[in-house]
Amino acid sequence: ITELPTATLLADDVLQPELTLTFGAENLEVSRMQCFIQGDTCVSNVMPDKDDVVVTIKGSKRLTRRRTLYTITIPDAEGDWHWYSHLWINPNVH
């Protein structure tokens, strides 16, 4: 998996961050992917790219918590689940 951005600290001018993940799709049931954002609705876009999948995740509103977790889960063909999480930290919220 590659992720952009790799940083977890939010810049002062970024309160609705977008996370882009690229990963191999072999054996994964990408159509069953689920996305979760603490305290918000997840907006995601899934795009096939050769043998990989590119997923863009963003919340529907600005982050207001000090720490917010973006998580995706995807089952594979054998029924096992895979997950990935990215933590955002807003240093301006105490």
Protein backbone atom coordinates (compact mmCIF):
# COMPACT_ATOMS: atom_id res chain seq x y z
CA ILE A 1 0.00 0.00 0.00
CA THR A 2 1.15 3.49 -0.73
CA GLU A 3 -0.54 6.51 0.76
CA LEU A 4 -0.55 10.21 0.00
CA PRO A 5 -0.02 12.22 2.02
CA THR A 6 2.08 10.24 4.46
CA ALA A 7 1.99 12.93 7.16
CA THR A 8 -0.53 12.74 9.96
CA LEU A 9 -0.40 16.39 11.10
CA LEU A 10 -2.85 18.67 9.36
CA ALA A 11 -1.60 21.98 8.04
CA ASP A 12 -3.44 25.08 9.26
CA ASP A 13 -5.22 25.53 5.93
CA VAL A 14 -6.30 21.86 5.52
CA LEU A 15 -9.36 20.93 7.57
CA GLN A 16 -10.97 18.53 5.11
CA PRO A 17 -8.02 16.27 4.19
CA GLU A 18 -8.06 13.80 1.33
CA LEU A 19 -6.23 10.48 1.59
CA THR A 20 -5.21 8.55 -1.53
CA LEU A 21 -4.31 4.87 -1.24
CA THR A 22 -2.89 2.67 -4.01
CA PHE A 23 -2.81 -1.10 -3.51
CA GLY A 24 -2.80 -4.35 -5.42
CA ALA A 25 -6.31 -5.64 -6.09
CA GLU A 26 -5.48 -9.32 -6.52
CA ASN A 27 -7.90 -11.51 -4.58
CA LEU A 28 -9.67 -8.48 -3.03
CA GLU A 29 -13.38 -7.84 -3.47
CA VAL A 30 -12.98 -4.10 -3.98
CA SER A 31 -16.68 -3.64 -4.74
CA ARG A 32 -17.34 -4.55 -1.08
CA MET A 33 -14.93 -1.96 0.33
CA GLN A 34 -16.24 0.01 3.29
CA CYS A 35 -14.98 3.36 4.47
CA PHE A 36 -15.29 4.85 7.95
CA ILE A 37 -14.41 8.28 9.34
CA GLN A 38 -14.89 9.05 13.02
CA GLY A 39 -17.81 11.41 13.44
CA ASP A 40 -18.37 11.88 9.72
CA THR A 41 -19.61 10.33 6.52
CA CYS A 42 -16.96 8.97 4.20
CA VAL A 43 -16.81 10.10 0.60
CA SER A 44 -14.73 7.69 -1.48
CA ASN A 45 -13.77 7.22 -5.09
CA VAL A 46 -12.39 3.90 -6.35
CA MET A 47 -10.49 3.79 -9.65
CA PRO A 48 -8.85 0.73 -11.21
CA ASP A 49 -5.31 1.42 -12.45
CA LYS A 50 -3.78 -1.57 -14.32
CA ASP A 51 -3.22 -4.22 -11.61
CA ASP A 52 -3.77 -1.75 -8.79
CA VAL A 53 -6.67 0.13 -7.27
CA VAL A 54 -6.52 3.80 -6.35
CA VAL A 55 -8.91 4.86 -3.58
CA THR A 56 -9.45 8.48 -2.59
CA ILE A 57 -11.10 9.09 0.79
CA LYS A 58 -12.38 12.34 2.20
CA GLY A 59 -14.88 13.39 4.85
CA SER A 60 -18.07 15.18 3.95
CA LYS A 61 -17.23 18.05 6.32
CA ARG A 62 -14.29 19.70 8.03
CA LEU A 63 -12.49 17.86 10.81
CA THR A 64 -13.22 19.36 14.23
CA ARG A 65 -11.57 16.79 16.50
CA ARG A 66 -7.94 16.74 17.57
CA ARG A 67 -7.59 13.15 16.27
CA THR A 68 -9.64 11.62 13.47
CA LEU A 69 -9.19 8.15 12.02
CA TYR A 70 -9.89 7.26 8.37
CA THR A 71 -10.36 3.49 7.94
CA ILE A 72 -11.14 1.24 4.98
CA THR A 73 -11.98 -2.46 5.13
CA ILE A 74 -12.04 -4.90 2.19
CA PRO A 75 -12.81 -8.63 2.16
CA ASP A 76 -10.86 -11.04 0.00
CA ALA A 77 -12.13 -14.02 -2.01
CA GLU A 78 -11.53 -16.40 0.94
CA GLY A 79 -13.67 -14.33 3.30
CA ASP A 80 -10.82 -12.73 5.26
CA TRP A 81 -10.99 -9.01 5.94
CA HIS A 82 -8.18 -6.51 5.37
CA TRP A 83 -8.15 -3.02 6.83
CA TYR A 84 -6.10 0.13 6.64
CA SER A 85 -6.26 3.20 8.87
CA HIS A 86 -4.73 6.66 8.70
CA LEU A 87 -4.72 9.01 11.69
CA TRP A 88 -5.09 12.75 11.17
CA ILE A 89 -4.02 15.07 13.99
CA ASN A 90 -5.21 18.67 14.11
CA PRO A 91 -2.65 20.46 16.33
CA ASN A 92 -4.93 23.51 16.60
CA VAL A 93 -7.58 21.60 18.61
CA HIS A 94 -6.76 21.07 22.27
